[in-house]
Amino acid sequence: MTATIRDVARAAGVSEATVSRALRRLPHVAPATAQRIEAAAAALGFTPSDSAAALATGRTRLVSVVVPSVVSWFYGSVLEGVDATLRAAGFSAALIDLAQADGVRRRLTARELRSARPIGHVVVGFELDAAEQALLREASAPIVTVGARIEGVPGIGIPEERAAEMVVEHLAALGHRRIGHVGADREEGMNPAVGAARRAAWAAAVARLGLESRPEWFGSGAFRIEASRDAALAMLGAADRPTAVFAASDISAFGVLLAAQALGLRVPEDVSVAGIDDHPFAAAHDLTTVRQSPREQGERAALVLLRGLGVGRGAVPAATPLELVQRASTAPPA
């Protein structure tokens, strides 16, 4: 007959929960006890299963990953990184997608958090209101955010201000003194900090470098192609237009490129365009951009969470430094 976790517990003289913890390398099991359990399991030919562990401990090996949408390249890439890292450690990701048909995310509910009985949560790229944050804290499980901020919770992300500065400094070094910005005002349900940080850094860098500044050289594109195109049409269609545009994301930059094409402006001869992300389509558009890796951010978030669960050892690897990828969309002004 196939050995069970009960057989191992009886042979080692411990509880089934202790067997489960020891065989999953979780903390709070004495080394001598863990060795005794492993020896008993080996002698009986016992192979632990996730379902047995859940029954013995009352806990699953699931981590919820809460996203406002899976359609976005960024969110999908983060999810890939989280899932790959969790699977390598013997855990699984339970997706909670808050997207709605109207593009506005729905609220996170207690039912969703409790249905899979997750032992940890990764929250990706959007703002949680006070009630939603309270739900997560009441779950008494570790939380890590990616591209979002919750007070007192570990967060993974890039230095937003520095990314924006790198773009403005690059354009200024090429000789541009009139640099516009297609950014993002607050979007319902999304994290407003990203767009705000990049806009503030653009304004600060323009002032620090002594460049020209005009209110009409900012347009809100809401991190969407169509809205960014419309904002850029108004900005670049004016007689007193900027010679370069810093877009707050590559998606926004694609909208700026469409606007330039519609206005008969050549890129980069008439207007330079640069973004942030290094989106998979950025190279195809010859777009200058600051590279970030959302998949790597997902991997690092999962590692932080696993360490919060007492799984894994050693420090979480440092993030890859930001890199400006210069392509053909930027050049000195004519």
C-alpha atoms as a PDB file:
ATOM      1  CA  MET A   1       0.000   0.000   0.000  1.00  0.00           C
ATOM      2  CA  THR A   2       1.109   3.585  -0.657  1.00  0.00           C
ATOM      3  CA  ALA A   3       2.423   5.356   2.429  1.00  0.00           C
ATOM      4  CA  THR A   4       0.493   8.374   3.696  1.00  0.00           C
ATOM      5  CA  ILE A   5       1.457  11.448   5.661  1.00  0.00           C
ATOM      6  CA  ARG A   6      -0.171   9.781   8.692  1.00  0.00           C
ATOM      7  CA  ASP A   7       2.215   6.832   8.340  1.00  0.00           C
ATOM      8  CA  VAL A   8       5.212   9.172   8.273  1.00  0.00           C
ATOM      9  CA  ALA A   9       3.927  11.102  11.300  1.00  0.00           C
ATOM     10  CA  ARG A  10       3.435   7.855  13.250  1.00  0.00           C
ATOM     11  CA  ALA A  11       6.910   6.559  12.320  1.00  0.00           C
ATOM     12  CA  ALA A  12       8.585   9.843  13.261  1.00  0.00           C
ATOM     13  CA  GLY A  13       6.495  10.389  16.392  1.00  0.00           C
ATOM     14  CA  VAL A  14       5.209  13.811  15.370  1.00  0.00           C
ATOM     15  CA  SER A  15       2.001  15.385  14.126  1.00  0.00           C
ATOM     16  CA  GLU A  16       0.934  15.376  10.482  1.00  0.00           C
ATOM     17  CA  ALA A  17       1.241  19.177  10.410  1.00  0.00           C
ATOM     18  CA  THR A  18       4.879  18.915  11.530  1.00  0.00           C
ATOM     19  CA  VAL A  19       5.558  16.382   8.777  1.00  0.00           C
ATOM     20  CA  SER A  20       4.042  18.756   6.234  1.00  0.00           C
ATOM     21  CA  ARG A  21       6.147  21.692   7.430  1.00  0.00           C
ATOM     22  CA  ALA A  22       9.343  19.683   7.521  1.00  0.00           C
ATOM     23  CA  LEU A  23       8.951  18.209   4.050  1.00  0.00           C
ATOM     24  CA  ARG A  24       8.177  21.663   2.615  1.00  0.00           C
ATOM     25  CA  ARG A  25      11.262  23.144   4.328  1.00  0.00           C
ATOM     26  CA  LEU A  26       9.154  25.615   6.309  1.00  0.00           C
ATOM     27  CA  PRO A  27      10.513  27.193   9.515  1.00  0.00           C
ATOM     28  CA  HIS A  28       9.860  26.273  13.160  1.00  0.00           C
ATOM     29  CA  VAL A  29      10.843  22.610  12.812  1.00  0.00           C
ATOM     30  CA  ALA A  30      13.911  21.561  14.805  1.00  0.00           C
ATOM     31  CA  PRO A  31      16.741  20.260  12.576  1.00  0.00           C
ATOM     32  CA  ALA A  32      16.850  16.909  14.391  1.00  0.00           C
ATOM     33  CA  THR A  33      13.094  16.502  14.008  1.00  0.00           C
ATOM     34  CA  ALA A  34      13.256  17.399  10.316  1.00  0.00           C
ATOM     35  CA  GLN A  35      15.996  14.805   9.761  1.00  0.00           C
ATOM     36  CA  ARG A  36      13.928  12.158  11.544  1.00  0.00           C
ATOM     37  CA  ILE A  37      10.887  12.993   9.409  1.00  0.00           C
ATOM     38  CA  GLU A  38      12.864  12.919   6.160  1.00  0.00           C
ATOM     39  CA  ALA A  39      14.367   9.574   7.092  1.00  0.00           C
ATOM     40  CA  ALA A  40      10.926   8.136   7.891  1.00  0.00           C
ATOM     41  CA  ALA A  41       9.506   9.479   4.621  1.00  0.00           C
ATOM     42  CA  ALA A  42      12.393   7.981   2.639  1.00  0.00           C
ATOM     43  CA  ALA A  43      12.059   4.612   4.369  1.00  0.00           C
ATOM     44  CA  LEU A  44       8.319   4.495   3.653  1.00  0.00           C
ATOM     45  CA  GLY A  45       8.683   5.807   0.096  1.00  0.00           C
ATOM     46  CA  PHE A  46       6.372   8.717   0.873  1.00  0.00           C
ATOM     47  CA  THR A  47       6.063  11.571  -1.646  1.00  0.00           C
ATOM     48  CA  PRO A  48       4.222  14.634  -0.329  1.00  0.00           C
ATOM     49  CA  SER A  49       1.498  16.275  -2.401  1.00  0.00           C
ATOM     50  CA  ASP A  50       0.100  19.764  -2.303  1.00  0.00           C
ATOM     51  CA  SER A  51      -3.375  18.483  -1.501  1.00  0.00           C
ATOM     52  CA  ALA A  52      -2.091  16.428   1.438  1.00  0.00           C
ATOM     53  CA  ALA A  53      -0.215  19.427   2.779  1.00  0.00           C
ATOM     54  CA  ALA A  54      -3.321  21.564   2.559  1.00  0.00           C
ATOM     55  CA  LEU A  55      -5.414  18.982   4.390  1.00  0.00           C
ATOM     56  CA  ALA A  56      -2.839  18.574   7.123  1.00  0.00           C
ATOM     57  CA  THR A  57      -2.174  22.248   7.753  1.00  0.00           C
ATOM     58  CA  GLY A  58      -5.425  23.868   6.704  1.00  0.00           C
ATOM     59  CA  ARG A  59      -3.448  26.039   4.300  1.00  0.00           C
ATOM     60  CA  THR A  60      -3.045  25.923   0.556  1.00  0.00           C
ATOM     61  CA  ARG A  61       0.103  26.594  -1.434  1.00  0.00           C
ATOM     62  CA  LEU A  62      -1.655  29.285  -3.426  1.00  0.00           C
ATOM     63  CA  VAL A  63      -0.692  32.946  -3.682  1.00  0.00           C
ATOM     64  CA  SER A  64      -3.258  35.375  -5.044  1.00  0.00           C
ATOM     65  CA  VAL A  65      -2.070  37.788  -7.736  1.00  0.00           C
ATOM     66  CA  VAL A  66      -4.452  40.743  -7.942  1.00  0.00           C
ATOM     67  CA  VAL A  67      -4.375  42.739 -11.193  1.00  0.00           C
ATOM     68  CA  PRO A  68      -6.649  45.434 -12.647  1.00  0.00           C
ATOM     69  CA  SER A  69      -6.474  43.709 -16.047  1.00  0.00           C
ATOM     70  CA  VAL A  70      -4.589  40.900 -17.784  1.00  0.00           C
ATOM     71  CA  VAL A  71      -4.790  42.642 -21.166  1.00  0.00           C
ATOM     72  CA  SER A  72      -1.957  45.069 -20.380  1.00  0.00           C
ATOM     73  CA  TRP A  73       1.534  43.997 -21.449  1.00  0.00           C
ATOM     74  CA  PHE A  74       2.916  45.205 -18.105  1.00  0.00           C
ATOM     75  CA  TYR A  75       0.472  43.290 -15.910  1.00  0.00           C
ATOM     76  CA  GLY A  76       0.758  40.146 -18.001  1.00  0.00           C
ATOM     77  CA  SER A  77       4.559  40.229 -17.842  1.00  0.00           C
ATOM     78  CA  VAL A  78       4.534  40.713 -14.061  1.00  0.00           C
ATOM     79  CA  LEU A  79       2.142  37.776 -13.756  1.00  0.00           C
ATOM     80  CA  GLU A  80       4.496  35.576 -15.808  1.00  0.00           C
ATOM     81  CA  GLY A  81       7.385  36.402 -13.491  1.00  0.00           C
ATOM     82  CA  VAL A  82       5.373  35.786 -10.318  1.00  0.00           C
ATOM     83  CA  ASP A  83       3.971  32.500 -11.598  1.00  0.00           C
ATOM     84  CA  ALA A  84       7.326  31.111 -12.794  1.00  0.00           C
ATOM     85  CA  THR A  85       9.019  31.886  -9.471  1.00  0.00           C
ATOM     86  CA  LEU A  86       6.180  30.456  -7.398  1.00  0.00           C
ATOM     87  CA  ARG A  87       6.063  27.250  -9.445  1.00  0.00           C
ATOM     88  CA  ALA A  88       9.805  26.771  -9.039  1.00  0.00           C
ATOM     89  CA  ALA A  89       9.252  26.864  -5.261  1.00  0.00           C
ATOM     90  CA  GLY A  90       6.295  24.462  -5.362  1.00  0.00           C
ATOM     91  CA  PHE A  91       3.595  27.138  -5.072  1.00  0.00           C
ATOM     92  CA  SER A  92       0.854  28.247  -7.456  1.00  0.00           C
ATOM     93  CA  ALA A  93      -0.616  31.610  -8.448  1.00  0.00           C
ATOM     94  CA  ALA A  94      -4.357  32.228  -8.149  1.00  0.00           C
ATOM     95  CA  LEU A  95      -5.283  35.102 -10.476  1.00  0.00           C
ATOM     96  CA  ILE A  96      -7.785  37.727  -9.339  1.00  0.00           C
ATOM     97  CA  ASP A  97      -8.587  39.881 -12.378  1.00  0.00           C
ATOM     98  CA  LEU A  98     -10.567  43.016 -11.484  1.00  0.00           C
ATOM     99  CA  ALA A  99     -11.211  44.151 -15.075  1.00  0.00           C
ATOM    100  CA  GLN A 100     -14.685  45.186 -16.186  1.00  0.00           C
ATOM    101  CA  ALA A 101     -16.097  45.693 -19.667  1.00  0.00           C
ATOM    102  CA  ASP A 102     -16.151  49.484 -19.248  1.00  0.00           C
ATOM    103  CA  GLY A 103     -12.407  49.599 -18.537  1.00  0.00           C
ATOM    104  CA  VAL A 104     -12.889  50.552 -14.877  1.00  0.00           C
ATOM    105  CA  ARG A 105     -11.785  47.941 -12.400  1.00  0.00           C
ATOM    106  CA  ARG A 106     -14.241  46.499  -9.926  1.00  0.00           C
ATOM    107  CA  ARG A 107     -13.599  46.454  -6.195  1.00  0.00           C
ATOM    108  CA  LEU A 108     -11.690  43.685  -4.497  1.00  0.00           C
ATOM    109  CA  THR A 109     -14.020  41.638  -2.281  1.00  0.00           C
ATOM    110  CA  ALA A 110     -13.503  39.404   0.727  1.00  0.00           C
ATOM    111  CA  ARG A 111     -15.149  36.536  -1.140  1.00  0.00           C
ATOM    112  CA  GLU A 112     -12.453  36.595  -3.827  1.00  0.00           C
ATOM    113  CA  LEU A 113      -9.653  36.632  -1.288  1.00  0.00           C
ATOM    114  CA  ARG A 114     -11.086  33.782   0.743  1.00  0.00           C
ATOM    115  CA  SER A 115     -12.276  31.502  -2.047  1.00  0.00           C
ATOM    116  CA  ALA A 116      -8.828  30.073  -2.806  1.00  0.00           C
ATOM    117  CA  ARG A 117      -7.549  30.418   0.797  1.00  0.00           C
ATOM    118  CA  PRO A 118      -4.292  32.035  -0.382  1.00  0.00           C
ATOM    119  CA  ILE A 119      -1.346  32.242   2.004  1.00  0.00           C
ATOM    120  CA  GLY A 120      -0.009  35.444   0.464  1.00  0.00           C
ATOM    121  CA  HIS A 121      -0.913  38.220  -1.953  1.00  0.00           C
ATOM    122  CA  VAL A 122       0.855  40.072  -4.772  1.00  0.00           C
ATOM    123  CA  VAL A 123      -0.935  43.294  -5.770  1.00  0.00           C
ATOM    124  CA  VAL A 124       0.058  44.615  -9.184  1.00  0.00           C
ATOM    125  CA  GLY A 125      -0.103  48.144 -10.517  1.00  0.00           C
ATOM    126  CA  PHE A 126      -3.140  49.862  -9.040  1.00  0.00           C
ATOM    127  CA  GLU A 127      -4.360  51.816  -6.054  1.00  0.00           C
ATOM    128  CA  LEU A 128      -6.298  50.072  -3.294  1.00  0.00           C
ATOM    129  CA  ASP A 129      -8.745  52.133  -1.289  1.00  0.00           C
ATOM    130  CA  ALA A 130      -8.789  51.981   2.515  1.00  0.00           C
ATOM    131  CA  ALA A 131     -11.474  49.289   2.646  1.00  0.00           C
ATOM    132  CA  GLU A 132      -9.593  47.056   0.182  1.00  0.00           C
ATOM    133  CA  GLN A 133      -6.345  47.490   2.102  1.00  0.00           C
ATOM    134  CA  ALA A 134      -8.171  46.525   5.289  1.00  0.00           C
ATOM    135  CA  LEU A 135      -9.410  43.334   3.614  1.00  0.00           C
ATOM    136  CA  LEU A 136      -5.872  42.320   2.744  1.00  0.00           C
ATOM    137  CA  ARG A 137      -4.543  43.104   6.203  1.00  0.00           C
ATOM    138  CA  GLU A 138      -7.363  41.157   7.866  1.00  0.00           C
ATOM    139  CA  ALA A 139      -6.320  38.113   5.855  1.00  0.00           C
ATOM    140  CA  SER A 140      -3.178  37.955   8.033  1.00  0.00           C
ATOM    141  CA  ALA A 141      -1.049  36.914   5.054  1.00  0.00           C
ATOM    142  CA  PRO A 142       2.108  38.504   3.638  1.00  0.00           C
ATOM    143  CA  ILE A 143       1.553  41.127   0.937  1.00  0.00           C
ATOM    144  CA  VAL A 144       3.931  42.475  -1.714  1.00  0.00           C
ATOM    145  CA  THR A 145       3.100  45.125  -4.302  1.00  0.00           C
ATOM    146  CA  VAL A 146       4.464  45.685  -7.808  1.00  0.00           C
ATOM    147  CA  GLY A 147       4.175  49.167  -9.264  1.00  0.00           C
ATOM    148  CA  ALA A 148       1.888  50.229  -6.425  1.00  0.00           C
ATOM    149  CA  ARG A 149       2.295  51.430  -2.868  1.00  0.00           C
ATOM    150  CA  ILE A 150       0.603  50.376   0.344  1.00  0.00           C
ATOM    151  CA  GLU A 151       1.936  51.900   3.531  1.00  0.00           C
ATOM    152  CA  GLY A 152       3.979  49.407   5.536  1.00  0.00           C
ATOM    153  CA  VAL A 153       3.975  46.807   2.725  1.00  0.00           C
ATOM    154  CA  PRO A 154       7.087  45.781   0.728  1.00  0.00           C
ATOM    155  CA  GLY A 155       6.956  47.120  -2.812  1.00  0.00           C
ATOM    156  CA  ILE A 156       8.783  46.324  -6.036  1.00  0.00           C
ATOM    157  CA  GLY A 157       9.148  48.885  -8.801  1.00  0.00           C
ATOM    158  CA  ILE A 158      11.497  51.160 -10.673  1.00  0.00           C
ATOM    159  CA  PRO A 159      12.691  54.629  -9.593  1.00  0.00           C
ATOM    160  CA  GLU A 160      10.036  56.478 -11.584  1.00  0.00           C
ATOM    161  CA  GLU A 161      11.605  59.916 -11.190  1.00  0.00           C
ATOM    162  CA  ARG A 162      14.998  58.738 -12.394  1.00  0.00           C
ATOM    163  CA  ALA A 163      13.489  57.030 -15.441  1.00  0.00           C
ATOM    164  CA  ALA A 164      11.820  60.289 -16.482  1.00  0.00           C
ATOM    165  CA  GLU A 165      14.973  62.311 -15.812  1.00  0.00           C
ATOM    166  CA  MET A 166      16.969  60.000 -18.069  1.00  0.00           C
ATOM    167  CA  VAL A 167      14.638  60.714 -20.994  1.00  0.00           C
ATOM    168  CA  VAL A 168      14.650  64.493 -20.492  1.00  0.00           C
ATOM    169  CA  GLU A 169      18.423  64.549 -20.032  1.00  0.00           C
ATOM    170  CA  HIS A 170      18.867  62.529 -23.237  1.00  0.00           C
ATOM    171  CA  LEU A 171      16.695  64.915 -25.239  1.00  0.00           C
ATOM    172  CA  ALA A 172      18.424  67.958 -23.740  1.00  0.00           C
ATOM    173  CA  ALA A 173      21.840  66.489 -24.562  1.00  0.00           C
ATOM    174  CA  LEU A 174      20.732  66.230 -28.188  1.00  0.00           C
ATOM    175  CA  GLY A 175      20.058  69.982 -28.125  1.00  0.00           C
ATOM    176  CA  HIS A 176      16.295  70.113 -27.520  1.00  0.00           C
ATOM    177  CA  ARG A 177      15.158  73.049 -25.396  1.00  0.00           C
ATOM    178  CA  ARG A 178      11.418  72.666 -26.005  1.00  0.00           C
ATOM    179  CA  ILE A 179      10.400  69.299 -24.552  1.00  0.00           C
ATOM    180  CA  GLY A 180       6.730  68.467 -24.182  1.00  0.00           C
ATOM    181  CA  HIS A 181       5.232  65.654 -22.103  1.00  0.00           C
ATOM    182  CA  VAL A 182       2.324  63.332 -22.807  1.00  0.00           C
ATOM    183  CA  GLY A 183       1.649  61.824 -19.407  1.00  0.00           C
ATOM    184  CA  ALA A 184      -1.198  60.507 -17.350  1.00  0.00           C
ATOM    185  CA  ASP A 185      -3.541  62.168 -14.916  1.00  0.00           C
ATOM    186  CA  ARG A 186      -5.405  60.037 -12.428  1.00  0.00           C
ATOM    187  CA  GLU A 187      -7.267  57.058 -13.874  1.00  0.00           C
ATOM    188  CA  GLU A 188     -10.100  55.396 -11.955  1.00  0.00           C
ATOM    189  CA  GLY A 189      -8.818  52.363 -10.061  1.00  0.00           C
ATOM    190  CA  MET A 190      -5.223  52.672 -11.223  1.00  0.00           C
ATOM    191  CA  ASN A 191      -2.181  53.728  -9.247  1.00  0.00           C
ATOM    192  CA  PRO A 192      -1.856  57.511  -9.713  1.00  0.00           C
ATOM    193  CA  ALA A 193       1.681  57.663  -8.332  1.00  0.00           C
ATOM    194  CA  VAL A 194       3.395  56.497 -11.535  1.00  0.00           C
ATOM    195  CA  GLY A 195       2.022  59.174 -13.838  1.00  0.00           C
ATOM    196  CA  ALA A 196       2.384  61.856 -11.182  1.00  0.00           C
ATOM    197  CA  ALA A 197       6.006  60.947 -10.462  1.00  0.00           C
ATOM    198  CA  ARG A 198       6.998  60.971 -14.132  1.00  0.00           C
ATOM    199  CA  ARG A 199       5.240  64.287 -14.748  1.00  0.00           C
ATOM    200  CA  ALA A 200       6.855  65.898 -11.705  1.00  0.00           C
ATOM    201  CA  ALA A 201      10.288  64.625 -12.748  1.00  0.00           C
ATOM    202  CA  TRP A 202       9.800  66.007 -16.274  1.00  0.00           C
ATOM    203  CA  ALA A 203       8.907  69.442 -14.887  1.00  0.00           C
ATOM    204  CA  ALA A 204      11.783  69.391 -12.398  1.00  0.00           C
ATOM    205  CA  ALA A 205      14.339  68.324 -15.028  1.00  0.00           C
ATOM    206  CA  VAL A 206      13.135  71.009 -17.446  1.00  0.00           C
ATOM    207  CA  ALA A 207      13.583  73.642 -14.716  1.00  0.00           C
ATOM    208  CA  ARG A 208      16.956  72.280 -13.579  1.00  0.00           C
ATOM    209  CA  LEU A 209      18.338  72.234 -17.118  1.00  0.00           C
ATOM    210  CA  GLY A 210      17.048  75.729 -17.889  1.00  0.00           C
ATOM    211  CA  LEU A 211      14.786  74.579 -20.739  1.00  0.00           C
ATOM    212  CA  GLU A 212      11.699  76.358 -22.014  1.00  0.00           C
ATOM    213  CA  SER A 213       8.471  75.521 -20.199  1.00  0.00           C
ATOM    214  CA  ARG A 214       4.846  76.126 -21.146  1.00  0.00           C
ATOM    215  CA  PRO A 215       1.658  74.698 -19.598  1.00  0.00           C
ATOM    216  CA  GLU A 216       0.323  73.679 -23.019  1.00  0.00           C
ATOM    217  CA  TRP A 217       3.311  71.386 -23.507  1.00  0.00           C
ATOM    218  CA  PHE A 218       1.714  68.863 -21.179  1.00  0.00           C
ATOM    219  CA  GLY A 219      -1.140  66.643 -22.324  1.00  0.00           C
ATOM    220  CA  SER A 220      -2.840  63.760 -20.519  1.00  0.00           C
ATOM    221  CA  GLY A 221      -2.817  60.523 -22.474  1.00  0.00           C
ATOM    222  CA  ALA A 222      -3.951  58.267 -19.622  1.00  0.00           C
ATOM    223  CA  PHE A 223      -1.384  55.607 -20.692  1.00  0.00           C
ATOM    224  CA  ARG A 224      -3.623  54.814 -23.676  1.00  0.00           C
ATOM    225  CA  ILE A 225      -2.776  55.034 -27.384  1.00  0.00           C
ATOM    226  CA  GLU A 226      -5.924  56.888 -28.480  1.00  0.00           C
ATOM    227  CA  ALA A 227      -5.875  59.430 -25.637  1.00  0.00           C
ATOM    228  CA  SER A 228      -2.146  59.999 -26.106  1.00  0.00           C
ATOM    229  CA  ARG A 229      -2.659  60.535 -29.829  1.00  0.00           C
ATOM    230  CA  ASP A 230      -5.340  63.146 -29.140  1.00  0.00           C
ATOM    231  CA  ALA A 231      -3.174  64.930 -26.563  1.00  0.00           C
ATOM    232  CA  ALA A 232      -0.227  64.973 -28.974  1.00  0.00           C
ATOM    233  CA  LEU A 233      -2.390  66.229 -31.849  1.00  0.00           C
ATOM    234  CA  ALA A 234      -3.274  69.306 -29.793  1.00  0.00           C
ATOM    235  CA  MET A 235       0.311  69.835 -28.646  1.00  0.00           C
ATOM    236  CA  LEU A 236       2.078  69.258 -31.967  1.00  0.00           C
ATOM    237  CA  GLY A 237      -0.628  70.900 -34.049  1.00  0.00           C
ATOM    238  CA  ALA A 238       0.029  74.297 -32.442  1.00  0.00           C
ATOM    239  CA  ALA A 239       2.265  76.831 -34.165  1.00  0.00           C
ATOM    240  CA  ASP A 240       4.481  77.070 -31.091  1.00  0.00           C
ATOM    241  CA  ARG A 241       5.052  73.335 -30.646  1.00  0.00           C
ATOM    242  CA  PRO A 242       7.859  71.521 -28.793  1.00  0.00           C
ATOM    243  CA  THR A 243      10.663  69.928 -30.802  1.00  0.00           C
ATOM    244  CA  ALA A 244      10.615  66.761 -28.665  1.00  0.00           C
ATOM    245  CA  VAL A 245       8.023  64.833 -26.683  1.00  0.00           C
ATOM    246  CA  PHE A 246       8.683  62.674 -23.644  1.00  0.00           C
ATOM    247  CA  ALA A 247       5.875  60.134 -23.339  1.00  0.00           C
ATOM    248  CA  ALA A 248       5.242  58.641 -19.891  1.00  0.00           C
ATOM    249  CA  SER A 249       5.096  55.135 -21.351  1.00  0.00           C
ATOM    250  CA  ASP A 250       5.832  53.448 -24.664  1.00  0.00           C
ATOM    251  CA  ILE A 251       2.093  52.948 -25.169  1.00  0.00           C
ATOM    252  CA  SER A 252       1.713  56.734 -24.882  1.00  0.00           C
ATOM    253  CA  ALA A 253       4.669  57.173 -27.244  1.00  0.00           C
ATOM    254  CA  PHE A 254       2.928  55.043 -29.871  1.00  0.00           C
ATOM    255  CA  GLY A 255       0.027  57.501 -29.700  1.00  0.00           C
ATOM    256  CA  VAL A 256       2.441  60.419 -30.164  1.00  0.00           C
ATOM    257  CA  LEU A 257       3.930  58.725 -33.234  1.00  0.00           C
ATOM    258  CA  LEU A 258       0.433  58.354 -34.701  1.00  0.00           C
ATOM    259  CA  ALA A 259      -0.241  62.045 -34.082  1.00  0.00           C
ATOM    260  CA  ALA A 260       3.002  63.080 -35.765  1.00  0.00           C
ATOM    261  CA  GLN A 261       2.119  60.950 -38.773  1.00  0.00           C
ATOM    262  CA  ALA A 262      -1.367  62.453 -38.966  1.00  0.00           C
ATOM    263  CA  LEU A 263       0.118  65.981 -38.889  1.00  0.00           C
ATOM    264  CA  GLY A 264       2.704  65.202 -41.536  1.00  0.00           C
ATOM    265  CA  LEU A 265       5.611  65.602 -39.091  1.00  0.00           C
ATOM    266  CA  ARG A 266       8.701  63.481 -39.599  1.00  0.00           C
ATOM    267  CA  VAL A 267      10.204  61.591 -36.662  1.00  0.00           C
ATOM    268  CA  PRO A 268      12.874  62.501 -35.645  1.00  0.00           C
ATOM    269  CA  GLU A 269      13.561  65.280 -38.207  1.00  0.00           C
ATOM    270  CA  ASP A 270      10.592  67.435 -37.119  1.00  0.00           C
ATOM    271  CA  VAL A 271       9.938  66.028 -33.658  1.00  0.00           C
ATOM    272  CA  SER A 272      11.789  63.560 -31.462  1.00  0.00           C
ATOM    273  CA  VAL A 273       9.782  61.060 -29.393  1.00  0.00           C
ATOM    274  CA  ALA A 274      10.902  58.934 -26.436  1.00  0.00           C
ATOM    275  CA  GLY A 275       9.141  56.797 -23.828  1.00  0.00           C
ATOM    276  CA  ILE A 276       9.610  54.482 -20.857  1.00  0.00           C
ATOM    277  CA  ASP A 277       9.253  50.670 -20.758  1.00  0.00           C
ATOM    278  CA  ASP A 278      10.933  49.096 -23.804  1.00  0.00           C
ATOM    279  CA  HIS A 279       7.609  47.554 -24.747  1.00  0.00           C
ATOM    280  CA  PRO A 280       7.873  44.495 -27.046  1.00  0.00           C
ATOM    281  CA  PHE A 281       6.794  46.735 -29.963  1.00  0.00           C
ATOM    282  CA  ALA A 282       9.261  49.543 -29.159  1.00  0.00           C
ATOM    283  CA  ALA A 283      12.041  48.162 -31.353  1.00  0.00           C
ATOM    284  CA  ALA A 284       9.657  47.760 -34.296  1.00  0.00           C
ATOM    285  CA  HIS A 285       8.814  51.476 -33.999  1.00  0.00           C
ATOM    286  CA  ASP A 286      12.501  52.428 -33.576  1.00  0.00           C
ATOM    287  CA  LEU A 287      11.478  54.080 -30.309  1.00  0.00           C
ATOM    288  CA  THR A 288      14.039  55.489 -27.905  1.00  0.00           C
ATOM    289  CA  THR A 289      13.027  54.422 -24.406  1.00  0.00           C
ATOM    290  CA  VAL A 290      14.142  53.606 -20.879  1.00  0.00           C
ATOM    291  CA  ARG A 291      14.077  49.850 -20.429  1.00  0.00           C
ATOM    292  CA  GLN A 292      12.375  48.179 -17.497  1.00  0.00           C
ATOM    293  CA  SER A 293      11.531  44.513 -16.999  1.00  0.00           C
ATOM    294  CA  PRO A 294       8.084  43.846 -15.502  1.00  0.00           C
ATOM    295  CA  ARG A 295       8.754  40.098 -15.599  1.00  0.00           C
ATOM    296  CA  GLU A 296      11.828  40.590 -13.431  1.00  0.00           C
ATOM    297  CA  GLN A 297       9.769  42.729 -11.052  1.00  0.00           C
ATOM    298  CA  GLY A 298       7.276  39.878 -10.781  1.00  0.00           C
ATOM    299  CA  GLU A 299      10.065  37.410 -10.052  1.00  0.00           C
ATOM    300  CA  ARG A 300      11.507  39.651  -7.334  1.00  0.00           C
ATOM    301  CA  ALA A 301       8.066  40.230  -5.789  1.00  0.00           C
ATOM    302  CA  ALA A 302       7.488  36.473  -5.587  1.00  0.00           C
ATOM    303  CA  LEU A 303      10.883  35.977  -3.941  1.00  0.00           C
ATOM    304  CA  VAL A 304      10.121  38.670  -1.351  1.00  0.00           C
ATOM    305  CA  LEU A 305       6.768  37.028  -0.641  1.00  0.00           C
ATOM    306  CA  LEU A 306       8.291  33.541  -0.338  1.00  0.00           C
ATOM    307  CA  ARG A 307      10.804  34.825   2.173  1.00  0.00           C
ATOM    308  CA  GLY A 308       7.931  36.378   4.099  1.00  0.00           C
ATOM    309  CA  LEU A 309       6.440  32.893   4.207  1.00  0.00           C
ATOM    310  CA  GLY A 310       9.709  31.476   5.488  1.00  0.00           C
ATOM    311  CA  VAL A 311      10.562  29.782   2.192  1.00  0.00           C
ATOM    312  CA  GLY A 312      13.960  30.274   0.579  1.00  0.00           C
ATOM    313  CA  ARG A 313      17.170  31.738   1.852  1.00  0.00           C
ATOM    314  CA  GLY A 314      19.507  34.546   0.912  1.00  0.00           C
ATOM    315  CA  ALA A 315      18.892  38.057  -0.295  1.00  0.00           C
ATOM    316  CA  VAL A 316      16.545  38.932  -3.130  1.00  0.00           C
ATOM    317  CA  PRO A 317      18.672  39.789  -6.211  1.00  0.00           C
ATOM    318  CA  ALA A 318      19.072  43.484  -6.907  1.00  0.00           C
ATOM    319  CA  ALA A 319      17.008  44.996  -9.683  1.00  0.00           C
ATOM    320  CA  THR A 320      18.602  45.425 -13.090  1.00  0.00           C
ATOM    321  CA  PRO A 321      19.671  49.088 -13.422  1.00  0.00           C
ATOM    322  CA  LEU A 322      17.632  51.306 -15.705  1.00  0.00           C
ATOM    323  CA  GLU A 323      19.002  51.591 -19.238  1.00  0.00           C
ATOM    324  CA  LEU A 324      18.335  54.208 -21.892  1.00  0.00           C
ATOM    325  CA  VAL A 325      17.893  52.425 -25.217  1.00  0.00           C
ATOM    326  CA  GLN A 326      18.561  54.945 -27.971  1.00  0.00           C
ATOM    327  CA  ARG A 327      16.913  54.251 -31.320  1.00  0.00           C
ATOM    328  CA  ALA A 328      15.976  56.259 -34.387  1.00  0.00           C
ATOM    329  CA  SER A 329      13.043  58.212 -32.903  1.00  0.00           C
ATOM    330  CA  THR A 330      15.328  60.812 -31.312  1.00  0.00           C
ATOM    331  CA  ALA A 331      17.893  63.102 -32.931  1.00  0.00           C
ATOM    332  CA  PRO A 332      19.137  66.712 -32.615  1.00  0.00           C
ATOM    333  CA  PRO A 333      16.482  69.314 -33.508  1.00  0.00           C
ATOM    334  CA  ALA A 334      16.512  70.611 -37.038  1.00  0.00           C
END
